[in-house]
Amino acid sequence: MSSDYLIPGQPVPLPRGPAFQLGSGVYTKDGQTRASLFGVPLHQGSTLTIPRVKPHPPAPNSVVLGSITRLSPQQATISITVVDGVPLPPGEDFTGVIRVQDIRATEKDKVKVGDCFRGGDVVRGSVISLGDARSYYVTTARNDLGVIFATSEAGGTMEPVSWQEMRCPKTGKLERRKCAKPEGL
């Protein structure tokens, strides 16, 4: 069985062979076995379960997802809501800081925070270090890190067209962002 995460309600792919007993984290509806928890299906003998995944605080090299909450000329503040693919419980988010020198790996002296992020953008980053007492230092200085979801000024969901631009499908207007390279490309 693959190690792909399932979300609640998603059908659980069953291998061929004898029938499995359903354990915690799975249920049957309309003859289809489905996940009731976020996680990876696990076969323990003849029992199929999805164990509960416990969230943990960010550590150095953790990949995090979050939304931009505040911008300044020196840094962007991010509210971290997902750590290493595991969502945090509601209200238990962490604060991260993306400093201007941690946005891109090259031409660091030419980076402007306002040209890379806007408030509300969803960003994938990697934790560099613990930072100060209130926040983690986060970097987007890899091709796979950066903005993964953004809304344009007209309210449309932006589409990446290059590593530094996104287009609004409603107006066709281009806006500058530090885009993350889509997975699988």
N, C-alpha and C. Protein backbone atom coordinates (compact mmCIF):
# COMPACT_ATOMS: atom_id res chain seq x y z
N MET A 1 0.84 -1.18 0.00
CA MET A 1 0.00 0.00 0.00
C MET A 1 0.88 1.24 0.00
N SER A 2 0.47 2.28 -0.69
CA SER A 2 1.28 3.49 -0.78
C SER A 2 1.21 4.28 0.53
N SER A 3 2.08 5.27 0.66
CA SER A 3 2.10 6.07 1.88
C SER A 3 1.43 7.41 1.62
N ASP A 4 0.35 7.42 0.85
CA ASP A 4 -0.38 8.65 0.57
C ASP A 4 -1.36 8.95 1.69
N TYR A 5 -1.38 10.22 2.08
CA TYR A 5 -2.31 10.65 3.11
C TYR A 5 -3.73 10.67 2.56
N LEU A 6 -4.68 10.34 3.41
CA LEU A 6 -6.09 10.42 3.07
C LEU A 6 -6.75 11.45 3.97
N ILE A 7 -7.80 12.10 3.46
CA ILE A 7 -8.54 13.05 4.27
C ILE A 7 -9.89 12.42 4.62
N PRO A 8 -10.56 12.89 5.68
CA PRO A 8 -11.84 12.29 6.06
C PRO A 8 -12.85 12.30 4.91
N GLY A 9 -13.49 11.13 4.72
CA GLY A 9 -14.46 10.97 3.65
C GLY A 9 -13.90 10.40 2.37
N GLN A 10 -12.59 10.42 2.23
CA GLN A 10 -11.95 9.92 1.01
C GLN A 10 -11.96 8.39 1.01
N PRO A 11 -12.25 7.75 -0.15
CA PRO A 11 -12.23 6.29 -0.21
C PRO A 11 -10.83 5.73 0.08
N VAL A 12 -10.80 4.62 0.82
CA VAL A 12 -9.54 3.95 1.15
C VAL A 12 -9.29 2.87 0.11
N PRO A 13 -8.17 2.94 -0.63
CA PRO A 13 -7.88 1.88 -1.60
C PRO A 13 -7.55 0.58 -0.85
N LEU A 14 -8.26 -0.49 -1.19
CA LEU A 14 -8.06 -1.77 -0.53
C LEU A 14 -7.30 -2.72 -1.44
N PRO A 15 -6.28 -3.41 -0.92
CA PRO A 15 -5.56 -4.38 -1.74
C PRO A 15 -6.43 -5.62 -1.98
N ARG A 16 -6.12 -6.34 -3.03
CA ARG A 16 -6.87 -7.57 -3.34
C ARG A 16 -6.52 -8.63 -2.30
N GLY A 17 -7.44 -9.52 -2.06
CA GLY A 17 -7.19 -10.58 -1.10
C GLY A 17 -8.33 -10.69 -0.11
N PRO A 18 -8.04 -11.29 1.03
CA PRO A 18 -9.10 -11.48 2.03
C PRO A 18 -9.59 -10.14 2.57
N ALA A 19 -10.84 -10.14 3.03
CA ALA A 19 -11.46 -8.93 3.56
C ALA A 19 -10.77 -8.51 4.86
N PHE A 20 -10.69 -7.22 5.06
CA PHE A 20 -10.09 -6.67 6.27
C PHE A 20 -11.17 -6.32 7.27
N GLN A 21 -10.83 -6.42 8.55
CA GLN A 21 -11.69 -5.89 9.60
C GLN A 21 -11.37 -4.41 9.71
N LEU A 22 -12.40 -3.61 9.96
CA LEU A 22 -12.19 -2.18 10.06
C LEU A 22 -11.88 -1.80 11.49
N GLY A 23 -10.78 -1.07 11.66
CA GLY A 23 -10.39 -0.58 12.98
C GLY A 23 -10.70 0.91 13.10
N SER A 24 -9.97 1.59 13.97
CA SER A 24 -10.21 3.02 14.18
C SER A 24 -9.74 3.82 12.97
N GLY A 25 -10.43 4.90 12.68
CA GLY A 25 -10.05 5.78 11.59
C GLY A 25 -10.65 5.45 10.24
N VAL A 26 -11.46 4.37 10.14
CA VAL A 26 -12.11 4.00 8.88
C VAL A 26 -13.56 3.59 9.15
N TYR A 27 -14.40 3.73 8.11
CA TYR A 27 -15.79 3.31 8.22
C TYR A 27 -16.27 2.90 6.83
N THR A 28 -17.43 2.28 6.77
CA THR A 28 -18.02 1.87 5.50
C THR A 28 -19.32 2.62 5.30
N LYS A 29 -19.47 3.18 4.09
CA LYS A 29 -20.71 3.87 3.73
C LYS A 29 -21.04 3.51 2.29
N ASP A 30 -22.24 3.02 2.06
CA ASP A 30 -22.69 2.61 0.72
C ASP A 30 -21.74 1.60 0.09
N GLY A 31 -21.23 0.67 0.92
CA GLY A 31 -20.34 -0.38 0.42
C GLY A 31 -18.93 0.08 0.13
N GLN A 32 -18.60 1.32 0.43
CA GLN A 32 -17.27 1.89 0.16
C GLN A 32 -16.57 2.16 1.49
N THR A 33 -15.33 1.67 1.64
CA THR A 33 -14.54 1.93 2.85
C THR A 33 -13.93 3.32 2.73
N ARG A 34 -14.14 4.15 3.76
CA ARG A 34 -13.69 5.54 3.72
C ARG A 34 -12.90 5.89 4.98
N ALA A 35 -12.07 6.93 4.86
CA ALA A 35 -11.28 7.42 5.99
C ALA A 35 -12.14 8.33 6.86
N SER A 36 -11.98 8.21 8.17
CA SER A 36 -12.65 9.15 9.08
C SER A 36 -11.64 10.07 9.75
N LEU A 37 -10.35 9.83 9.53
CA LEU A 37 -9.28 10.65 10.07
C LEU A 37 -8.31 11.03 8.96
N PHE A 38 -7.57 12.11 9.14
CA PHE A 38 -6.48 12.47 8.26
C PHE A 38 -5.30 11.56 8.61
N GLY A 39 -4.75 10.88 7.61
CA GLY A 39 -3.60 10.02 7.89
C GLY A 39 -3.36 9.00 6.80
N VAL A 40 -2.44 8.08 7.09
CA VAL A 40 -2.04 7.02 6.16
C VAL A 40 -2.65 5.70 6.62
N PRO A 41 -3.36 4.98 5.71
CA PRO A 41 -3.92 3.67 6.09
C PRO A 41 -2.81 2.70 6.51
N LEU A 42 -3.09 1.91 7.54
CA LEU A 42 -2.12 0.97 8.09
C LEU A 42 -2.79 -0.40 8.23
N HIS A 43 -2.13 -1.42 7.71
CA HIS A 43 -2.64 -2.80 7.81
C HIS A 43 -1.90 -3.49 8.95
N GLN A 44 -2.64 -3.83 10.00
CA GLN A 44 -2.07 -4.54 11.14
C GLN A 44 -2.73 -5.91 11.19
N GLY A 45 -2.06 -6.91 10.63
CA GLY A 45 -2.66 -8.24 10.54
C GLY A 45 -3.84 -8.19 9.59
N SER A 46 -5.02 -8.53 10.09
CA SER A 46 -6.22 -8.48 9.25
C SER A 46 -7.07 -7.24 9.52
N THR A 47 -6.49 -6.27 10.24
CA THR A 47 -7.23 -5.06 10.60
C THR A 47 -6.68 -3.86 9.84
N LEU A 48 -7.60 -3.06 9.29
CA LEU A 48 -7.24 -1.83 8.59
C LEU A 48 -7.56 -0.65 9.49
N THR A 49 -6.56 0.20 9.77
CA THR A 49 -6.76 1.37 10.62
C THR A 49 -6.09 2.59 9.98
N ILE A 50 -6.48 3.75 10.44
CA ILE A 50 -5.76 4.99 10.15
C ILE A 50 -5.42 5.60 11.50
N PRO A 51 -4.15 5.50 11.91
CA PRO A 51 -3.79 6.03 13.23
C PRO A 51 -3.85 7.56 13.26
N ARG A 52 -4.16 8.07 14.42
CA ARG A 52 -4.22 9.51 14.62
C ARG A 52 -2.81 10.08 14.52
N VAL A 53 -2.65 11.12 13.70
CA VAL A 53 -1.35 11.79 13.55
C VAL A 53 -1.30 12.95 14.52
N LYS A 54 -0.31 12.96 15.38
CA LYS A 54 -0.19 14.00 16.39
C LYS A 54 0.58 15.19 15.82
N PRO A 55 0.02 16.39 15.93
CA PRO A 55 0.77 17.56 15.47
C PRO A 55 1.94 17.84 16.40
N HIS A 56 2.99 18.43 15.84
CA HIS A 56 4.17 18.79 16.63
C HIS A 56 4.62 20.19 16.25
N PRO A 57 5.33 20.88 17.14
CA PRO A 57 5.79 22.23 16.80
C PRO A 57 6.88 22.17 15.73
N PRO A 58 7.06 23.27 14.99
CA PRO A 58 8.10 23.28 13.96
C PRO A 58 9.49 23.09 14.55
N ALA A 59 10.34 22.43 13.78
CA ALA A 59 11.74 22.24 14.13
C ALA A 59 12.56 22.67 12.92
N PRO A 60 13.85 22.89 13.07
CA PRO A 60 14.65 23.24 11.89
C PRO A 60 14.47 22.20 10.78
N ASN A 61 14.33 22.69 9.55
CA ASN A 61 14.08 21.91 8.32
C ASN A 61 12.66 21.40 8.18
N SER A 62 11.74 21.74 9.09
CA SER A 62 10.33 21.40 8.92
C SER A 62 9.75 22.22 7.77
N VAL A 63 8.95 21.58 6.93
CA VAL A 63 8.25 22.31 5.87
C VAL A 63 6.91 22.75 6.46
N VAL A 64 6.63 24.05 6.35
CA VAL A 64 5.44 24.61 6.97
C VAL A 64 4.59 25.32 5.91
N LEU A 65 3.29 25.38 6.19
CA LEU A 65 2.35 26.17 5.39
C LEU A 65 1.70 27.19 6.30
N GLY A 66 1.47 28.36 5.77
CA GLY A 66 0.80 29.38 6.56
C GLY A 66 0.41 30.55 5.69
N SER A 67 -0.26 31.49 6.29
CA SER A 67 -0.70 32.67 5.54
C SER A 67 0.03 33.91 6.05
N ILE A 68 0.28 34.82 5.11
CA ILE A 68 0.97 36.07 5.43
C ILE A 68 -0.01 36.96 6.20
N THR A 69 0.42 37.42 7.38
CA THR A 69 -0.44 38.26 8.21
C THR A 69 0.01 39.72 8.26
N ARG A 70 1.31 39.96 8.05
CA ARG A 70 1.82 41.32 8.17
C ARG A 70 3.06 41.47 7.28
N LEU A 71 3.20 42.64 6.68
CA LEU A 71 4.37 42.92 5.84
C LEU A 71 5.06 44.18 6.32
N SER A 72 6.38 44.18 6.24
CA SER A 72 7.18 45.38 6.47
C SER A 72 8.31 45.35 5.44
N PRO A 73 9.05 46.43 5.27
CA PRO A 73 10.13 46.41 4.27
C PRO A 73 11.23 45.38 4.58
N GLN A 74 11.37 44.98 5.85
CA GLN A 74 12.42 44.04 6.22
C GLN A 74 11.96 42.59 6.32
N GLN A 75 10.65 42.35 6.50
CA GLN A 75 10.21 40.98 6.74
C GLN A 75 8.72 40.82 6.48
N ALA A 76 8.31 39.56 6.32
CA ALA A 76 6.90 39.19 6.24
C ALA A 76 6.61 38.27 7.42
N THR A 77 5.47 38.45 8.05
CA THR A 77 5.06 37.60 9.17
C THR A 77 4.06 36.59 8.66
N ILE A 78 4.26 35.34 9.07
CA ILE A 78 3.43 34.23 8.59
C ILE A 78 2.80 33.52 9.78
N SER A 79 1.53 33.20 9.67
CA SER A 79 0.83 32.41 10.68
C SER A 79 0.89 30.96 10.23
N ILE A 80 1.69 30.14 10.91
CA ILE A 80 1.93 28.75 10.52
C ILE A 80 0.78 27.88 11.01
N THR A 81 0.13 27.16 10.07
CA THR A 81 -1.01 26.32 10.41
C THR A 81 -0.80 24.85 10.08
N VAL A 82 0.24 24.52 9.30
CA VAL A 82 0.54 23.13 8.94
C VAL A 82 2.04 22.92 9.11
N VAL A 83 2.43 21.85 9.82
CA VAL A 83 3.83 21.52 10.04
C VAL A 83 4.09 20.11 9.51
N ASP A 84 5.00 19.98 8.55
CA ASP A 84 5.35 18.68 7.95
C ASP A 84 4.11 17.91 7.49
N GLY A 85 3.16 18.61 6.88
CA GLY A 85 1.97 17.97 6.34
C GLY A 85 0.87 17.69 7.35
N VAL A 86 1.08 18.02 8.61
CA VAL A 86 0.08 17.76 9.66
C VAL A 86 -0.54 19.08 10.09
N PRO A 87 -1.86 19.23 9.89
CA PRO A 87 -2.51 20.48 10.32
C PRO A 87 -2.50 20.62 11.84
N LEU A 88 -2.35 21.84 12.29
CA LEU A 88 -2.39 22.12 13.73
C LEU A 88 -3.84 22.30 14.15
N PRO A 89 -4.18 22.00 15.41
CA PRO A 89 -5.55 22.22 15.89
C PRO A 89 -5.92 23.70 15.75
N PRO A 90 -7.20 23.99 15.54
CA PRO A 90 -7.64 25.39 15.40
C PRO A 90 -7.22 26.22 16.61
N GLY A 91 -6.69 27.40 16.32
CA GLY A 91 -6.27 28.31 17.38
C GLY A 91 -4.89 28.03 17.94
N GLU A 92 -4.21 27.00 17.44
CA GLU A 92 -2.88 26.66 17.95
C GLU A 92 -1.81 26.88 16.90
N ASP A 93 -1.92 27.97 16.14
CA ASP A 93 -0.94 28.24 15.11
C ASP A 93 0.32 28.87 15.73
N PHE A 94 1.41 28.82 14.95
CA PHE A 94 2.68 29.41 15.36
C PHE A 94 2.96 30.62 14.47
N THR A 95 3.81 31.52 14.95
CA THR A 95 4.19 32.69 14.18
C THR A 95 5.58 32.49 13.61
N GLY A 96 5.72 32.82 12.33
CA GLY A 96 7.02 32.75 11.67
C GLY A 96 7.36 34.08 11.04
N VAL A 97 8.64 34.28 10.80
CA VAL A 97 9.12 35.51 10.16
C VAL A 97 9.96 35.11 8.96
N ILE A 98 9.63 35.69 7.80
CA ILE A 98 10.45 35.51 6.59
C ILE A 98 11.19 36.82 6.39
N ARG A 99 12.49 36.81 6.70
CA ARG A 99 13.30 38.02 6.56
C ARG A 99 13.62 38.26 5.08
N VAL A 100 13.92 39.48 4.73
CA VAL A 100 14.17 39.84 3.33
C VAL A 100 15.33 39.02 2.76
N GLN A 101 16.34 38.70 3.55
CA GLN A 101 17.49 37.92 3.06
C GLN A 101 17.17 36.43 2.93
N ASP A 102 16.01 35.99 3.45
CA ASP A 102 15.63 34.57 3.38
C ASP A 102 14.57 34.29 2.32
N ILE A 103 14.22 35.28 1.50
CA ILE A 103 13.18 35.10 0.49
C ILE A 103 13.71 34.38 -0.73
N ARG A 104 14.85 34.80 -1.25
CA ARG A 104 15.43 34.18 -2.44
C ARG A 104 16.87 33.81 -2.18
N ALA A 105 17.36 32.81 -2.93
CA ALA A 105 18.74 32.36 -2.77
C ALA A 105 19.71 33.26 -3.53
N THR A 106 19.24 33.91 -4.60
CA THR A 106 20.12 34.77 -5.41
C THR A 106 19.59 36.19 -5.40
N GLU A 107 20.43 37.14 -5.75
CA GLU A 107 20.07 38.56 -5.81
C GLU A 107 19.34 39.03 -4.55
N LYS A 108 19.88 38.65 -3.40
CA LYS A 108 19.23 38.98 -2.13
C LYS A 108 19.13 40.49 -1.90
N ASP A 109 20.08 41.24 -2.46
CA ASP A 109 20.08 42.69 -2.25
C ASP A 109 19.00 43.41 -3.06
N LYS A 110 18.42 42.75 -4.07
CA LYS A 110 17.39 43.37 -4.91
C LYS A 110 15.97 42.99 -4.49
N VAL A 111 15.83 42.15 -3.46
CA VAL A 111 14.51 41.66 -3.05
C VAL A 111 13.73 42.75 -2.33
N LYS A 112 12.45 42.89 -2.71
CA LYS A 112 11.52 43.77 -2.00
C LYS A 112 10.39 42.89 -1.49
N VAL A 113 10.13 42.94 -0.20
CA VAL A 113 9.12 42.07 0.42
C VAL A 113 7.77 42.25 -0.24
N GLY A 114 7.38 43.50 -0.55
CA GLY A 114 6.09 43.78 -1.16
C GLY A 114 5.94 43.22 -2.57
N ASP A 115 7.06 42.93 -3.25
CA ASP A 115 7.01 42.32 -4.58
C ASP A 115 6.96 40.79 -4.51
N CYS A 116 7.12 40.23 -3.33
CA CYS A 116 7.16 38.78 -3.17
C CYS A 116 5.92 38.21 -2.49
N PHE A 117 5.33 38.98 -1.58
CA PHE A 117 4.18 38.51 -0.81
C PHE A 117 3.15 39.62 -0.66
N ARG A 118 1.91 39.23 -0.44
CA ARG A 118 0.83 40.15 -0.07
C ARG A 118 0.09 39.52 1.09
N GLY A 119 -0.59 40.34 1.87
CA GLY A 119 -1.36 39.82 2.99
C GLY A 119 -2.39 38.79 2.53
N GLY A 120 -2.49 37.68 3.24
CA GLY A 120 -3.43 36.62 2.89
C GLY A 120 -2.87 35.54 2.00
N ASP A 121 -1.70 35.75 1.38
CA ASP A 121 -1.08 34.72 0.55
C ASP A 121 -0.78 33.48 1.40
N VAL A 122 -1.00 32.30 0.82
CA VAL A 122 -0.62 31.06 1.49
C VAL A 122 0.77 30.69 0.98
N VAL A 123 1.69 30.45 1.92
CA VAL A 123 3.09 30.27 1.60
C VAL A 123 3.59 28.93 2.13
N ARG A 124 4.42 28.24 1.32
CA ARG A 124 5.15 27.06 1.78
C ARG A 124 6.57 27.51 2.07
N GLY A 125 7.06 27.20 3.27
CA GLY A 125 8.41 27.59 3.67
C GLY A 125 9.08 26.49 4.45
N SER A 126 10.35 26.72 4.76
CA SER A 126 11.12 25.77 5.56
C SER A 126 11.67 26.51 6.77
N VAL A 127 11.57 25.91 7.94
CA VAL A 127 12.03 26.55 9.18
C VAL A 127 13.56 26.52 9.20
N ILE A 128 14.16 27.70 9.42
CA ILE A 128 15.62 27.81 9.54
C ILE A 128 16.04 27.57 10.98
N SER A 129 15.37 28.30 11.89
CA SER A 129 15.73 28.19 13.31
C SER A 129 14.59 28.69 14.16
N LEU A 130 14.77 28.58 15.45
CA LEU A 130 13.74 28.98 16.41
C LEU A 130 13.50 30.47 16.41
N GLY A 131 14.48 31.29 16.06
CA GLY A 131 14.28 32.74 16.06
C GLY A 131 14.22 33.29 17.46
N ASP A 132 13.38 34.30 17.66
CA ASP A 132 13.28 34.88 19.00
C ASP A 132 12.19 34.15 19.79
N ALA A 133 11.82 34.69 20.92
CA ALA A 133 10.87 34.01 21.81
C ALA A 133 9.47 33.92 21.22
N ARG A 134 9.15 34.75 20.23
CA ARG A 134 7.79 34.80 19.71
C ARG A 134 7.62 34.15 18.35
N SER A 135 8.69 33.87 17.62
CA SER A 135 8.50 33.40 16.25
C SER A 135 9.65 32.54 15.77
N TYR A 136 9.37 31.81 14.68
CA TYR A 136 10.36 30.98 14.00
C TYR A 136 10.87 31.73 12.79
N TYR A 137 12.15 31.51 12.43
CA TYR A 137 12.67 32.06 11.18
C TYR A 137 12.38 31.05 10.08
N VAL A 138 11.75 31.54 9.00
CA VAL A 138 11.32 30.70 7.89
C VAL A 138 11.98 31.21 6.62
N THR A 139 12.35 30.29 5.72
CA THR A 139 12.93 30.66 4.43
C THR A 139 12.04 30.19 3.29
N THR A 140 12.10 30.94 2.18
CA THR A 140 11.45 30.52 0.93
C THR A 140 12.51 30.49 -0.18
N ALA A 141 13.77 30.34 0.19
CA ALA A 141 14.89 30.45 -0.75
C ALA A 141 15.20 29.15 -1.49
N ARG A 142 14.18 28.35 -1.78
CA ARG A 142 14.33 27.17 -2.65
C ARG A 142 13.24 27.26 -3.71
N ASN A 143 13.43 26.56 -4.82
CA ASN A 143 12.45 26.62 -5.90
C ASN A 143 11.08 26.11 -5.49
N ASP A 144 11.03 25.09 -4.61
CA ASP A 144 9.75 24.50 -4.21
C ASP A 144 9.06 25.27 -3.09
N LEU A 145 9.66 26.37 -2.65
CA LEU A 145 9.10 27.16 -1.55
C LEU A 145 8.66 28.53 -2.06
N GLY A 146 7.60 29.05 -1.47
CA GLY A 146 7.09 30.36 -1.86
C GLY A 146 5.58 30.36 -1.81
N VAL A 147 4.96 31.29 -2.54
CA VAL A 147 3.51 31.44 -2.56
C VAL A 147 2.90 30.27 -3.33
N ILE A 148 1.93 29.58 -2.72
CA ILE A 148 1.24 28.48 -3.40
C ILE A 148 -0.22 28.83 -3.68
N PHE A 149 -0.74 29.85 -3.02
CA PHE A 149 -2.12 30.29 -3.24
C PHE A 149 -2.20 31.78 -2.96
N ALA A 150 -2.81 32.51 -3.90
CA ALA A 150 -2.95 33.95 -3.71
C ALA A 150 -4.26 34.40 -4.34
N THR A 151 -4.81 35.48 -3.81
CA THR A 151 -6.01 36.09 -4.35
C THR A 151 -5.64 37.45 -4.91
N SER A 152 -6.13 37.76 -6.10
CA SER A 152 -5.80 39.03 -6.74
C SER A 152 -6.60 40.17 -6.12
N GLU A 153 -6.28 41.39 -6.54
CA GLU A 153 -7.01 42.56 -6.07
C GLU A 153 -8.47 42.51 -6.52
N ALA A 154 -8.73 41.81 -7.66
CA ALA A 154 -10.09 41.68 -8.17
C ALA A 154 -10.85 40.53 -7.51
N GLY A 155 -10.17 39.76 -6.65
CA GLY A 155 -10.82 38.68 -5.94
C GLY A 155 -10.70 37.32 -6.59
N GLY A 156 -9.93 37.19 -7.67
CA GLY A 156 -9.76 35.91 -8.34
C GLY A 156 -8.60 35.12 -7.78
N THR A 157 -8.67 33.80 -7.93
CA THR A 157 -7.56 32.94 -7.49
C THR A 157 -6.45 33.03 -8.52
N MET A 158 -5.28 33.46 -8.09
CA MET A 158 -4.15 33.69 -8.99
C MET A 158 -3.55 32.38 -9.50
N GLU A 159 -3.02 32.43 -10.73
CA GLU A 159 -2.33 31.29 -11.34
C GLU A 159 -0.88 31.69 -11.58
N PRO A 160 0.09 30.83 -11.18
CA PRO A 160 1.50 31.19 -11.42
C PRO A 160 1.82 31.11 -12.91
N VAL A 161 2.56 32.10 -13.41
CA VAL A 161 3.01 32.09 -14.80
C VAL A 161 4.53 32.03 -14.89
N SER A 162 5.23 32.39 -13.82
CA SER A 162 6.68 32.27 -13.74
C SER A 162 7.05 32.19 -12.27
N TRP A 163 8.33 32.13 -11.99
CA TRP A 163 8.74 32.02 -10.58
C TRP A 163 8.54 33.32 -9.82
N GLN A 164 8.25 34.43 -10.54
CA GLN A 164 8.05 35.69 -9.83
C GLN A 164 6.79 36.45 -10.24
N GLU A 165 5.87 35.78 -10.96
CA GLU A 165 4.64 36.45 -11.34
C GLU A 165 3.45 35.49 -11.29
N MET A 166 2.28 36.04 -10.95
CA MET A 166 1.02 35.30 -10.98
C MET A 166 0.02 36.14 -11.76
N ARG A 167 -0.93 35.46 -12.42
CA ARG A 167 -1.93 36.14 -13.25
C ARG A 167 -3.32 35.94 -12.66
N CYS A 168 -4.12 37.01 -12.70
CA CYS A 168 -5.51 36.94 -12.29
C CYS A 168 -6.33 36.44 -13.47
N PRO A 169 -7.08 35.33 -13.33
CA PRO A 169 -7.86 34.82 -14.46
C PRO A 169 -9.04 35.73 -14.84
N LYS A 170 -9.51 36.56 -13.90
CA LYS A 170 -10.63 37.46 -14.18
C LYS A 170 -10.21 38.63 -15.05
N THR A 171 -9.08 39.27 -14.68
CA THR A 171 -8.66 40.49 -15.36
C THR A 171 -7.47 40.28 -16.29
N GLY A 172 -6.72 39.20 -16.11
CA GLY A 172 -5.51 38.97 -16.90
C GLY A 172 -4.32 39.78 -16.39
N LYS A 173 -4.50 40.53 -15.32
CA LYS A 173 -3.44 41.38 -14.77
C LYS A 173 -2.38 40.52 -14.07
N LEU A 174 -1.11 40.88 -14.26
CA LEU A 174 0.00 40.18 -13.61
C LEU A 174 0.34 40.88 -12.30
N GLU A 175 0.62 40.08 -11.27
CA GLU A 175 1.08 40.61 -9.98
C GLU A 175 2.34 39.85 -9.60
N ARG A 176 3.29 40.58 -9.00
CA ARG A 176 4.56 39.97 -8.61
C ARG A 176 4.40 39.18 -7.31
N ARG A 177 4.97 37.97 -7.30
CA ARG A 177 5.01 37.10 -6.12
C ARG A 177 6.27 36.24 -6.22
N LYS A 178 6.74 35.72 -5.10
CA LYS A 178 7.81 34.70 -5.11
C LYS A 178 7.07 33.36 -5.12
N CYS A 179 6.86 32.81 -6.31
CA CYS A 179 6.04 31.61 -6.47
C CYS A 179 6.83 30.34 -6.14
N ALA A 180 6.14 29.38 -5.56
CA ALA A 180 6.71 28.05 -5.34
C ALA A 180 6.53 27.24 -6.62
N LYS A 181 7.55 26.48 -6.95
CA LYS A 181 7.44 25.59 -8.11
C LYS A 181 6.40 24.53 -7.78
N PRO A 182 5.41 24.32 -8.66
CA PRO A 182 4.38 23.31 -8.37
C PRO A 182 4.99 21.92 -8.24
N GLU A 183 4.41 21.11 -7.34
CA GLU A 183 4.90 19.74 -7.14
C GLU A 183 4.67 18.94 -8.42
N GLY A 184 5.62 18.07 -8.76
CA GLY A 184 5.49 17.20 -9.92
C GLY A 184 6.05 17.78 -11.19
N LEU A 185 6.60 18.99 -11.18
CA LEU A 185 7.17 19.57 -12.39
C LEU A 185 8.68 19.56 -12.34
